Structure formats: C-alpha cells, structure tokens
Protein backbone atom coordinates (compact mmCIF):
# COMPACT_ATOMS: atom_id res chain seq x y z
CA MET A 1 87.12 163.84 130.49
CA LYS A 2 85.05 166.68 129.12
CA SER A 3 83.31 165.91 125.90
CA LYS A 4 80.29 167.09 123.91
CA THR A 5 79.63 163.52 122.77
CA ARG A 6 78.45 160.79 125.09
CA LEU A 7 79.59 157.18 124.64
CA THR A 8 76.67 154.86 123.87
CA GLY A 9 76.35 151.08 123.53
CA ARG A 10 77.84 148.73 126.11
CA VAL A 11 80.65 150.83 127.60
CA ILE A 12 83.37 149.33 129.81
CA PHE A 13 86.05 151.58 131.28
CA LYS A 14 89.29 150.40 132.85
CA GLY A 15 88.39 149.34 136.39
CA ASP A 16 84.78 148.44 135.51
CA PRO A 17 83.49 144.88 135.97
CA GLY A 18 84.07 142.91 132.76
CA TYR A 19 87.17 144.89 131.77
CA ASP A 20 89.52 141.89 131.96
CA THR A 21 87.19 139.74 129.87
CA ALA A 22 86.90 142.53 127.30
CA ARG A 23 90.70 142.74 127.12
CA LYS A 24 91.31 139.09 126.18
CA ASN A 25 92.20 138.40 122.55
CA TRP A 26 92.68 135.08 120.76
CA ASP A 27 96.46 135.56 120.91
CA PRO A 28 97.57 136.51 124.45
CA HIS A 29 100.62 138.49 123.32
CA THR A 30 98.34 141.04 121.61
CA ASP A 31 96.51 141.93 124.86
CA ARG A 32 96.77 145.58 125.93
CA PHE A 33 95.22 147.98 128.47
CA PRO A 34 92.85 150.35 126.66
CA LYS A 35 91.11 153.17 128.53
CA VAL A 36 87.67 152.06 127.37
CA PHE A 37 85.82 149.44 125.33
CA VAL A 38 82.66 150.38 123.46
CA PHE A 39 80.64 147.34 122.41
CA ALA A 40 78.51 148.97 119.74
CA GLN A 41 74.91 147.78 119.38
CA ARG A 42 74.22 149.87 116.28
CA THR A 43 76.00 152.12 113.80
CA GLN A 44 75.26 155.28 115.82
CA ASP A 45 77.25 153.88 118.78
CA VAL A 46 80.28 153.58 116.47
CA ALA A 47 79.83 157.18 115.29
CA ASN A 48 79.57 158.45 118.88
CA ALA A 49 82.69 156.52 119.91
CA ILE A 50 84.74 158.01 117.05
CA LYS A 51 83.56 161.56 117.85
CA TRP A 52 84.27 161.05 121.57
CA ALA A 53 87.76 159.70 120.82
CA ARG A 54 88.58 162.71 118.68
CA GLU A 55 87.26 165.22 121.21
CA ASN A 56 89.44 163.57 123.87
CA ASN A 57 92.41 162.89 121.61
CA VAL A 58 92.38 159.14 122.30
CA PRO A 59 93.73 156.59 119.77
CA ILE A 60 91.08 154.37 118.14
CA ARG A 61 91.16 150.64 117.40
CA PRO A 62 88.28 148.85 115.66
CA ARG A 63 87.75 145.19 116.66
CA SER A 64 85.50 142.44 115.33
CA GLY A 65 86.57 138.88 116.16
CA ARG A 66 89.59 139.45 118.46
CA HIS A 67 91.81 137.53 116.05
CA ALA A 68 94.43 140.22 115.33
CA LEU A 69 97.73 138.34 115.00
CA GLU A 70 100.06 141.24 115.79
CA THR A 71 100.30 143.77 118.62
CA ASN A 72 98.55 147.16 118.71
CA LEU A 73 96.18 146.36 115.85
CA SER A 74 92.87 145.78 117.64
CA GLN A 75 93.86 147.21 121.04
CA VAL A 76 96.19 149.95 122.22
CA ASN A 77 97.20 151.08 125.71
CA GLY A 78 95.15 154.10 126.79
CA GLY A 79 93.00 153.97 123.66
CA ILE A 80 89.38 153.25 122.81
CA VAL A 81 88.43 149.88 121.32
CA ILE A 82 85.32 150.09 119.15
CA ASP A 83 84.15 146.48 119.26
CA VAL A 84 81.33 145.55 116.86
CA SER A 85 80.90 141.95 118.10
CA ASP A 86 77.40 142.62 119.49
CA MET A 87 76.23 143.64 115.97
CA LYS A 88 75.25 140.29 114.51
CA LYS A 89 72.35 140.65 112.09
CA ILE A 90 72.38 138.42 108.98
CA ARG A 91 69.87 139.07 106.18
CA LEU A 92 69.83 136.66 103.25
CA ASN A 93 68.05 137.71 100.06
CA LYS A 94 67.50 134.48 98.11
CA LYS A 95 65.98 136.27 95.13
CA CYS A 96 69.13 138.35 94.55
CA GLY A 97 71.64 135.82 95.89
CA THR A 98 73.03 138.35 98.37
CA VAL A 99 73.46 138.59 102.12
CA VAL A 100 73.87 141.65 104.34
CA VAL A 101 75.90 140.90 107.47
CA GLU A 102 76.76 143.17 110.35
CA THR A 103 80.51 143.19 110.98
CA GLY A 104 80.31 141.67 114.47
CA ASN A 105 79.44 138.26 113.06
CA ARG A 106 82.00 135.52 113.36
CA VAL A 107 82.67 133.64 110.14
CA GLY A 108 81.34 130.32 111.49
CA ARG A 109 77.99 131.86 112.40
CA ILE A 110 77.50 133.18 108.85
CA VAL A 111 78.67 129.92 107.25
CA HIS A 112 76.31 127.70 109.28
CA SER A 113 73.38 130.09 109.00
CA LEU A 114 73.67 130.24 105.18
CA ALA A 115 74.44 126.52 104.77
CA ARG A 116 71.16 125.65 106.51
CA GLN A 117 69.41 127.81 103.91
CA GLY A 118 71.27 126.23 100.98
CA TYR A 119 73.99 128.83 100.37
CA ILE A 120 77.78 128.95 100.43
CA ALA A 121 79.49 131.57 102.57
CA PRO A 122 83.28 131.67 102.10
CA PHE A 123 85.44 130.95 105.15
CA GLY A 124 89.06 130.61 106.27
CA ASP A 125 90.55 128.07 108.66
CA SER A 126 88.73 129.23 111.81
CA PRO A 127 85.06 129.76 112.68
CA SER A 128 85.76 132.38 115.36
CA VAL A 129 87.44 134.97 113.11
CA GLY A 130 85.33 138.12 112.71
CA ILE A 131 83.86 138.89 109.29
CA GLY A 132 84.67 142.55 110.03
CA GLY A 133 88.44 142.06 109.76
CA ILE A 134 88.82 139.07 107.44
CA THR A 135 86.85 140.72 104.58
CA PRO A 136 88.81 143.95 103.97
CA GLY A 137 92.11 142.04 104.24
CA GLY A 138 91.14 139.63 101.46
CA GLY A 139 89.69 136.55 103.10
CA ILE A 140 91.42 133.37 101.96
CA GLY A 141 90.26 129.81 102.54
CA PRO A 142 89.46 126.39 101.09
CA LEU A 143 86.54 127.59 98.91
CA GLN A 144 88.46 130.45 97.30
CA ARG A 145 89.23 128.60 94.06
CA THR A 146 85.46 128.25 93.47
CA VAL A 147 83.97 131.43 94.94
CA GLY A 148 87.00 133.75 95.05
CA LEU A 149 88.31 135.60 98.09
CA ILE A 150 85.78 136.86 100.62
CA CYS A 151 86.52 140.42 99.44
CA ASP A 152 85.80 139.42 95.83
CA ASN A 153 82.21 138.79 96.90
CA LEU A 154 81.84 142.17 98.62
CA ILE A 155 79.43 144.39 96.65
CA ALA A 156 78.48 147.11 99.16
CA LEU A 157 79.37 148.32 102.63
CA GLU A 158 78.56 150.73 105.41
CA MET A 159 81.40 152.48 107.24
CA VAL A 160 81.75 155.26 109.80
CA ASP A 161 84.48 157.73 108.87
CA ALA A 162 86.86 159.82 110.99
CA LYS A 163 84.25 162.55 111.47
CA GLY A 164 81.61 160.09 112.66
CA ARG A 165 79.70 160.25 109.36
CA VAL A 166 78.04 157.11 108.01
CA ILE A 167 79.29 156.37 104.50
CA ARG A 168 77.83 153.79 102.15
CA ALA A 169 79.78 152.46 99.22
CA ASN A 170 78.97 150.28 96.21
CA LYS A 171 79.89 150.17 92.52
CA LYS A 172 77.97 153.41 91.82
CA LYS A 173 78.64 155.43 94.96
CA ASN A 174 82.04 155.85 96.67
CA ALA A 175 83.27 153.08 94.37
CA ASP A 176 86.87 153.90 95.31
CA LEU A 177 86.14 152.97 98.94
CA LEU A 178 84.55 149.67 97.87
CA TRP A 179 87.66 148.93 95.78
CA ALA A 180 89.96 149.76 98.72
CA THR A 181 87.96 147.54 101.08
CA GLN A 182 88.47 144.59 98.74
CA GLY A 183 91.92 143.76 100.11
CA GLY A 184 93.15 147.11 101.48
CA GLY A 185 93.05 145.90 105.08
CA GLY A 186 90.92 146.76 108.10
CA GLY A 187 91.54 149.76 110.33
CA ASN A 188 92.73 152.02 107.51
CA PHE A 189 89.73 154.02 106.30
CA GLY A 190 87.12 153.91 109.05
CA VAL A 191 85.08 151.46 111.12
CA TYR A 192 83.00 149.06 109.02
CA THR A 193 79.52 148.20 110.30
CA LYS A 194 77.83 146.27 107.44
CA TYR A 195 78.87 144.27 104.39
CA LYS A 196 76.74 143.12 101.47
CA LEU A 197 78.11 139.99 99.81
CA ASN A 198 77.20 137.86 96.81
CA VAL A 199 76.48 134.24 97.72
CA LEU A 200 76.21 131.10 95.63
CA ARG A 201 73.88 128.13 95.99
CA ALA A 202 75.49 125.33 97.97
CA PRO A 203 75.64 121.80 96.58
CA ASP A 204 73.54 119.24 98.49
CA GLN A 205 76.68 117.27 99.25
CA ALA A 206 80.42 117.89 99.40
CA THR A 207 83.44 115.70 100.05
CA VAL A 208 85.82 116.55 102.87
CA PHE A 209 89.20 115.02 103.61
CA ARG A 210 91.82 114.94 106.35
CA VAL A 211 95.00 112.98 105.67
CA THR A 212 98.05 112.77 107.96
CA TRP A 213 101.64 111.63 107.46
CA PRO A 214 104.62 111.35 109.84
CA TRP A 215 106.68 114.53 110.26
CA GLU A 216 109.81 112.91 108.74
CA GLN A 217 108.08 112.75 105.36
CA PHE A 218 107.24 116.46 105.16
CA GLU A 219 109.67 117.32 102.34
CA ARG A 220 108.30 114.58 100.09
CA ILE A 221 104.69 115.53 100.79
CA VAL A 222 105.17 119.31 100.40
CA LYS A 223 107.12 118.83 97.14
CA VAL A 224 104.33 116.79 95.58
CA TRP A 225 101.58 119.01 97.06
CA GLN A 226 103.16 122.21 95.63
CA ARG A 227 103.00 120.73 92.12
CA TRP A 228 99.65 118.96 92.45
CA ALA A 229 97.47 121.37 94.47
CA PRO A 230 97.62 124.53 92.32
CA SER A 231 96.73 122.75 89.09
CA ILE A 232 93.97 120.46 90.34
CA ASP A 233 90.23 120.92 89.64
CA THR A 234 89.24 124.37 91.00
CA ARG A 235 86.40 122.85 93.05
CA LEU A 236 89.08 121.35 95.31
CA GLY A 237 90.56 123.44 98.12
CA SER A 238 93.46 122.03 100.09
CA GLU A 239 95.32 123.23 103.20
CA LEU A 240 98.60 121.57 104.11
CA SER A 241 100.12 122.02 107.58
CA VAL A 242 103.50 120.86 108.89
CA GLY A 243 103.98 120.98 112.66
CA PRO A 244 107.20 121.23 114.73
CA LYS A 245 109.71 118.36 114.56
CA LYS A 246 108.99 117.54 118.20
CA GLY A 247 105.41 116.40 118.41
CA GLY A 248 104.23 117.59 114.99
CA ASN A 249 103.05 115.82 111.84
CA VAL A 250 101.87 116.62 108.32
CA VAL A 251 98.14 117.20 107.83
CA MET A 252 96.18 117.90 104.65
CA LEU A 253 92.65 119.18 105.21
CA GLY A 254 90.28 120.17 102.47
CA MET A 255 86.99 120.15 100.68
CA PHE A 256 85.83 119.19 97.21
CA LEU A 257 82.50 120.48 95.89
CA GLY A 258 81.63 117.15 94.28
CA SER A 259 81.33 113.41 94.86
CA LYS A 260 83.63 111.15 96.86
CA THR A 261 84.36 109.05 93.75
CA GLU A 262 85.64 112.10 91.89
CA ALA A 263 87.51 113.35 94.96
CA LEU A 264 89.36 110.04 95.34
CA ARG A 265 90.52 110.21 91.75
CA LEU A 266 91.73 113.81 92.14
CA LEU A 267 93.45 113.08 95.48
CA GLN A 268 95.29 109.97 94.24
CA PRO A 269 98.55 111.74 93.24
CA ILE A 270 99.01 113.13 96.77
CA ILE A 271 97.59 110.38 99.00
CA SER A 272 99.76 107.80 97.26
CA VAL A 273 102.92 109.61 98.44
CA GLY A 274 104.71 108.43 101.58
CA THR A 275 102.94 106.37 104.23
CA THR A 276 99.75 107.98 105.52
CA THR A 277 99.04 107.48 109.22
CA SER A 278 95.35 108.32 108.95
CA LYS A 279 92.93 109.05 106.17
CA VAL A 280 89.39 110.39 106.33
CA ILE A 281 87.62 111.05 103.04
CA LYS A 282 83.87 111.34 103.24
CA GLN A 283 80.93 112.69 101.31
CA LEU A 284 78.58 114.62 103.59
CA PRO A 285 75.55 116.89 103.34
CA TYR A 286 76.94 120.39 102.79
CA THR A 287 75.80 121.52 106.27
CA GLU A 288 77.93 118.76 107.86
CA ALA A 289 80.86 119.32 105.50
CA VAL A 290 81.29 122.91 106.75
CA THR A 291 81.14 121.68 110.36
CA PHE A 292 83.96 119.22 109.52
CA MET A 293 86.05 122.04 108.03
CA LEU A 294 85.41 124.54 110.83
CA ALA A 295 86.27 122.58 113.94
CA PRO A 296 85.70 124.67 117.08
CA ASP A 297 88.63 126.94 117.90
CA PRO A 298 90.64 126.89 121.08
CA ILE A 299 88.67 128.92 123.61
CA LEU A 300 89.54 132.53 124.19
CA PRO A 301 92.29 133.21 124.92
CA GLN A 302 94.34 130.26 123.80
CA LYS A 303 97.38 129.58 125.96
CA PHE A 304 99.92 129.96 123.14
CA SER A 305 101.22 133.29 121.90
CA ASN A 306 102.32 133.36 118.27
CA GLN A 307 104.40 135.27 115.76
CA PHE A 308 103.26 134.81 112.16
CA SER A 309 104.62 135.75 108.78
CA SER A 310 103.27 135.05 105.29
CA GLY A 311 103.84 135.22 101.56
CA PHE A 312 102.89 133.81 98.18
CA GLY A 313 104.77 131.16 96.21
CA ARG A 314 105.05 131.59 92.44
CA LYS A 315 106.70 128.22 91.93
CA PRO A 316 107.48 125.11 93.96
CA PHE A 317 110.13 125.50 96.67
CA PRO A 318 113.70 124.54 95.69
CA ASP A 319 115.88 122.50 98.06
CA GLN A 320 117.29 125.60 99.78
CA ALA A 321 113.78 126.65 100.84
CA PHE A 322 113.20 123.19 102.33
CA LYS A 323 116.44 123.52 104.26
CA THR A 324 115.13 126.78 105.77
CA MET A 325 111.78 125.14 106.55
CA ARG A 326 113.50 122.24 108.28
CA GLU A 327 115.70 124.53 110.39
CA PHE A 328 112.60 126.45 111.50
CA LEU A 329 110.63 123.31 112.35
CA GLU A 330 113.55 121.82 114.30
CA LYS A 331 113.79 124.96 116.45
CA ALA A 332 110.04 125.52 116.93
CA GLU A 333 108.61 124.79 120.38
CA ALA A 334 107.64 121.14 120.86
CA ASN A 335 103.96 120.14 120.83
CA SER A 336 102.87 123.68 120.01
CA PRO A 337 100.70 125.07 117.16
CA ALA A 338 103.88 126.35 115.47
CA GLY A 339 104.63 125.33 111.89
CA PHE A 340 104.06 125.93 108.19
CA PHE A 341 100.69 126.25 106.52
CA PHE A 342 100.05 126.16 102.75
CA LEU A 343 96.85 126.86 100.80
CA ASN A 344 96.37 126.24 97.10
CA TRP A 345 95.77 129.28 94.91
CA GLY A 346 94.39 129.82 91.41
CA GLY A 347 90.90 129.26 90.02
CA ALA A 348 88.51 132.12 90.78
CA ILE A 349 91.26 134.17 92.51
CA SER A 350 93.43 134.35 89.40
CA ARG A 351 90.48 135.28 87.19
CA VAL A 352 90.42 138.73 88.85
CA ARG A 353 93.11 141.12 87.61
CA PRO A 354 95.55 142.41 90.25
CA LYS A 355 94.33 146.00 89.89
CA ASP A 356 90.58 145.22 89.82
CA THR A 357 90.53 145.07 93.62
CA ALA A 358 92.99 146.27 96.26
CA PHE A 359 94.05 142.62 96.77
CA TYR A 360 97.07 142.40 94.49
CA TRP A 361 98.64 138.92 94.80
CA ARG A 362 96.52 137.07 92.23
CA LYS A 363 99.10 135.19 90.21
CA ALA A 364 100.62 132.88 92.83
CA LYS A 365 100.50 129.08 92.90
CA PHE A 366 100.10 128.82 96.66
CA TYR A 367 99.90 130.83 99.86
CA VAL A 368 102.33 130.10 102.69
CA GLU A 369 102.43 131.21 106.32
CA TRP A 370 104.53 130.09 109.27
CA ASN A 371 104.33 130.82 112.97
CA SER A 372 106.39 130.22 116.07
CA SER A 373 104.49 129.66 119.34
CA TRP A 374 105.33 129.99 123.02
CA VAL A 375 103.65 129.94 126.43
CA ASN A 376 106.28 131.59 128.63
CA PRO A 377 106.60 135.35 127.97
CA SER A 378 110.38 135.05 128.43
CA ASP A 379 110.48 132.93 125.23
CA ALA A 380 108.80 135.64 123.14
CA ALA A 381 111.92 137.39 121.77
CA THR A 382 113.58 134.14 120.60
CA ASN A 383 110.44 132.97 118.83
CA ILE A 384 109.65 136.30 117.19
CA ALA A 385 113.25 136.40 115.90
CA LEU A 386 112.94 132.81 114.59
CA THR A 387 109.89 133.70 112.47
CA ARG A 388 111.42 136.90 111.14
CA GLU A 389 114.80 135.34 110.31
CA THR A 390 112.94 132.58 108.47
CA ARG A 391 111.20 135.27 106.40
CA GLN A 392 114.55 136.76 105.40
CA LYS A 393 115.79 133.34 104.28
CA LEU A 394 112.59 132.60 102.33
CA LEU A 395 112.48 135.98 100.52
CA PRO A 396 114.06 134.61 97.31
CA TYR A 397 111.17 132.08 97.01
CA ILE A 398 108.08 134.16 97.90
CA VAL A 399 106.44 137.44 96.91
CA GLY A 400 104.38 139.83 99.00
CA SER A 401 102.64 139.15 102.28
CA TYR A 402 99.02 138.79 103.42
CA ILE A 403 97.75 141.78 105.43
CA ASN A 404 95.49 139.53 107.55
CA VAL A 405 98.59 137.61 108.68
CA PRO A 406 100.80 140.62 109.36
CA ASP A 407 104.42 140.70 110.49
CA GLN A 408 105.64 143.97 111.95
CA GLY A 409 109.21 142.90 111.26
CA ILE A 410 108.54 143.87 107.62
CA LYS A 411 109.90 147.36 107.01
CA ASN A 412 108.18 149.67 104.47
CA SER A 413 105.39 147.13 104.43
CA GLY A 414 102.95 148.94 102.09
CA PRO A 415 104.22 147.54 98.77
CA VAL A 416 104.78 144.12 100.42
CA TYR A 417 101.11 143.82 101.42
CA TYR A 418 99.55 145.71 98.51
CA GLY A 419 101.99 145.44 95.59
CA LYS A 420 101.39 147.99 92.85
CA ASN A 421 98.03 148.95 94.40
CA TYR A 422 99.73 150.74 97.29
CA ALA A 423 99.92 154.17 95.58
CA ARG A 424 96.20 154.14 94.80
CA LEU A 425 95.37 153.02 98.35
CA ARG A 426 97.29 156.00 99.74
CA LYS A 427 95.20 158.36 97.57
CA ILE A 428 91.98 156.79 98.85
CA LYS A 429 93.26 156.96 102.44
CA THR A 430 93.95 160.67 101.93
CA LYS A 431 90.41 161.20 100.67
CA TYR A 432 88.58 159.36 103.47
CA ASP A 433 90.97 159.86 106.41
CA PRO A 434 93.30 162.80 105.62
CA LYS A 435 94.30 163.31 109.26
CA ASN A 436 95.26 159.64 109.75
CA VAL A 437 92.80 159.13 112.62
CA PHE A 438 92.71 155.41 111.85
CA ASN A 439 96.27 154.23 112.21
CA ASN A 440 98.24 151.29 113.57
CA PRO A 441 101.89 150.17 113.27
CA GLN A 442 101.49 149.12 109.60
CA SER A 443 98.49 151.12 108.45
CA ILE A 444 98.37 153.00 105.14
CA PRO A 445 99.57 156.59 105.65
CA PRO A 446 97.80 159.46 103.86
CA LEU A 447 99.81 161.37 101.24
C-alpha cells in the first residue's frame, strides 16, 4: 500500500504475531478479520491512522473496550481498527471535582481509582466495558438515579475527525459536538481520545444487596419490582435479572448510597415477595461496595455469543408482555447468560430534558434488555430470530432502544435510538463528517 502517512503506535497487520489476540472481542460472534490494528499510544497515532485509512480507502472502526454487542461495529473485515485501549491516563482534579480520562480506560479501572480517592465514578454492570464507547451512547447503571447517566457528566472532550484534525469540544467551543456525544453513540462523528467528566464525592459507606428467588416466581417478582423500583428513593439503584427457565433464577443486585438500616426499610416491599433463596444485604466502605457491584467479567472472549435487544418501559408490563417474556425464557438456551435484565429509571436522569442532550429517553420508568445466548455457531440464526421476534411482540409495551445495546434487526433505527433528537444529530454528523467516513450498519447518516 502506497501512502503519504505512516501508521504509528503499536501496529499489528494480518499475519503478524499477536493478530489473533487483537481480534478477540468480548462476544465471539462479533469477531472479524481486519487488515490492521493500530493500538494508539497517543492522540497523534489516532490522527495518523485515520489519514492512512483515507489515503488507502480502508473502512475505519474505533474500539475501546471490545464490548460491542453487534457485528461490524468495532471490527470490519479488511478494515483498520483504531484501538485506544493503551491510552489509559486518569487525572483527577479534586479542587474542581472533575476527572480527565483517556478513552482506553475500562470502567472498572476508573471506578476503583476514583473510589480510593473518595470520588464516585458512574458505572454500568461490567468493569471491563471501555469508557470510550459507553459514554457517547449514554452510560446507564445502578448509580444513574443519583449522578445521572455517564454522558450527563461529560463536560469536555477531545476527538480526531475524518481529516485527522484534533477537535476539542466543551460548552463554549464546538458545543454541538459535546451535545451529540452525550448520547449520540460512538463511531458516528470521529474517534474520541479524552473525556472530561464531573465527579461527586463518594460517601464513606454504601449498602449493597443481592437477592435471589426461584425462576418459577419471576412474574410475581417482576410485577412488584416494576411498581416499586422506579418510585423508590433515588439513592437506590436496582438491577433485576431473570435467567432461562432451564438453569436460571431471579436475581436483584443493587446499591444504596446510605445505611443498611435505611436500605432494609426501602427494600422491604420487594424482599417480602415470594420465597427468597438467598439474601445478602451489607453496608461496606464505598471502595468495597464498588468491588461487590463490579464482579470480574468472564475473561476475553467469553464462550457464549449473544444477540441483545433493548427498550424503555413507560409503565408496568401487562399480562400479555409477561406471556412473551415467559415464551422467550422457555426457549432460551439452558444454563446460559440469556435472559431479561431490568434497571430502574428516574431520579437524576429524568431531571434532564430530552432535548438537552442527545440521549432522548428520559421519561421512562425502567430500562429493559433481553438476550439469547449460544455456543455452537449453528445455533446462531435460531437465537438471533428469538430475540428479534420477542422485540416485535414487546413493541406495544416499550419505547425506543438503547444505542449501547444495539439490535441490527431494527429497521430505520435512527428515531428508535435517538427519538426526536435524530434530525439534529444528522445535522451535526453532516458538519463534522460530511463524507460519512465513520460509518457502521446503524450509524447516523449525513444529510
């Protein structure tokens, strides 16, 4: 390949040692065969990679934590993957209550680093997700009712655009790009290299809980949870998971930024339902509470492939929705990570107006996602179909979808991910990437 620009950073071409390791993602069914991986060490390496890709007419995929849940998002056959995972600086400014993180950091690393210094960093349900991707997509998790979405805490950023120029954005400069990055999804406007986030002081102690019930009781538990969780004290974040009928159970995991005594009182309406099979409720130093919440992930790559879909519930599920849930859970692969996952909404999320950031779905009561899982590639088609048919059946009971948990079965996905913010996002895309250099199967097209 003839090119004016030279690739810099840690460069691995197809056929080089380390190529197979570089290719492995968290979800095996997203693995592809790119031409080259560039593990950027600094912003200039990202700029060089973008220029090189354009000179050689090679498709580009940015990658941070390898947690893309759909195909062709963070890798593409014959393309260049610009991987920022070697860029891991974290700079906390206690005086201003802000932190600057390079986009190669995994969420867990930021959370533990800040917790040790007495600060809260928002997180989702996994420590190994990259901050690079979770932030522009929104960033949901158990602390969101107190601190807001991860993107709500984003106050400035550094990004390399399609021409290899370094662009900085904040409220005063390129404010439209900052707005778009607060929920407009990764891989749309450029490659992000740094984020500046607001952070809050952490409490000395927090109360964590993990409660399980038998699978057969899932309808009872979910019904009560969907009424209780969205209206409870906003310092309480609660995730509810229901596994497959064969080998699964019902698990509620969460965190309350307060004492165990208070937590027990708040949890009473849900833990008194059904017959719990195990119950852990403990007050811990904040540093240990985040370790409890962010249990180590399955190592890369996990053995299961998955198909996810997602949406937002405006009101509790009616019986017909439970019938659909049950059908899905009865068909899902036994003893696999398949199932339904709910997260309570409200609090700080709903205090932001839908058009104040690109993240539109502010008014829900809860978030819901479901995934089918398989090991044998010959089972892929059946499982992907199961997830997508379930979406069709649940459409009367949900709105929208979460861009960080994408489903390429959704046609004309823009308004589904971005609601009424989609038109404005297209304008911003046109301004920063008019030639659609940064694109993937569900990216925002320029006008």
